């Protein structure tokens, strides 16, 4: 089984998180892109019944 999808938006290069004494810092531009992409992928998988188990 194959799934082809397109992630909309301008690609953002993955930046390494910075680790400090106060914790881990991920640059906001990359964090927002990652969150948006994850939500779009999950929505697409749900719409195509891949996460509900209907195609198993």
Protein backbone atom coordinates (compact mmCIF):
# COMPACT_ATOMS: atom_id res chain seq x y z
CA UNK A 1 0.00 0.00 0.00
CA UNK A 2 1.30 3.44 -0.92
CA UNK A 3 0.21 6.87 0.20
CA UNK A 4 1.19 9.96 -1.74
CA UNK A 5 0.62 13.40 -0.25
CA UNK A 6 1.88 16.93 -0.67
CA UNK A 7 2.68 19.12 2.31
CA UNK A 8 1.62 22.67 1.52
CA UNK A 9 3.76 25.67 2.39
CA UNK A 10 7.33 26.83 2.09
CA UNK A 11 9.87 24.21 3.28
CA UNK A 12 11.86 25.15 6.36
CA UNK A 13 15.28 23.69 7.06
CA UNK A 14 15.45 21.64 10.26
CA UNK A 15 17.55 23.50 12.78
CA UNK A 16 19.25 21.80 15.66
CA UNK A 17 17.72 22.49 19.05
CA UNK A 18 19.91 24.41 21.43
CA UNK A 19 20.42 22.82 24.83
CA UNK A 20 21.10 25.18 27.70
CA UNK A 21 20.96 25.04 31.48
CA UNK A 22 17.36 26.27 31.28
CA UNK A 23 16.25 23.51 28.89
CA UNK A 24 15.97 22.91 25.18
CA UNK A 25 15.22 25.72 22.73
CA UNK A 26 13.86 25.04 19.24
CA UNK A 27 13.74 28.04 16.89
CA UNK A 28 10.11 29.24 16.57
CA UNK A 29 10.00 29.21 12.76
CA UNK A 30 10.97 25.52 12.63
CA UNK A 31 8.76 24.58 15.59
CA UNK A 32 5.70 26.13 13.88
CA UNK A 33 6.48 24.41 10.57
CA UNK A 34 6.89 21.05 12.29
CA UNK A 35 3.61 21.46 14.20
CA UNK A 36 1.69 22.54 11.09
CA UNK A 37 3.14 19.70 9.00
CA UNK A 38 2.29 17.11 11.64
CA UNK A 39 -1.30 18.35 11.87
CA UNK A 40 -1.70 18.30 8.06
CA UNK A 41 -0.31 14.76 7.82
CA UNK A 42 -2.59 13.50 10.60
CA UNK A 43 -5.63 15.15 8.96
CA UNK A 44 -4.76 13.58 5.62
CA UNK A 45 -4.33 10.14 7.18
CA UNK A 46 -7.65 10.41 9.03
CA UNK A 47 -9.48 11.59 5.90
CA UNK A 48 -8.12 8.56 4.03
CA UNK A 49 -9.02 6.18 6.89
CA UNK A 50 -5.41 5.13 7.49
CA UNK A 51 -5.53 5.91 11.22
CA UNK A 52 -8.99 4.47 11.89
CA UNK A 53 -8.09 0.95 10.82
CA UNK A 54 -10.72 0.79 8.05
CA UNK A 55 -8.14 -0.31 5.47
CA UNK A 56 -6.55 -3.03 7.58
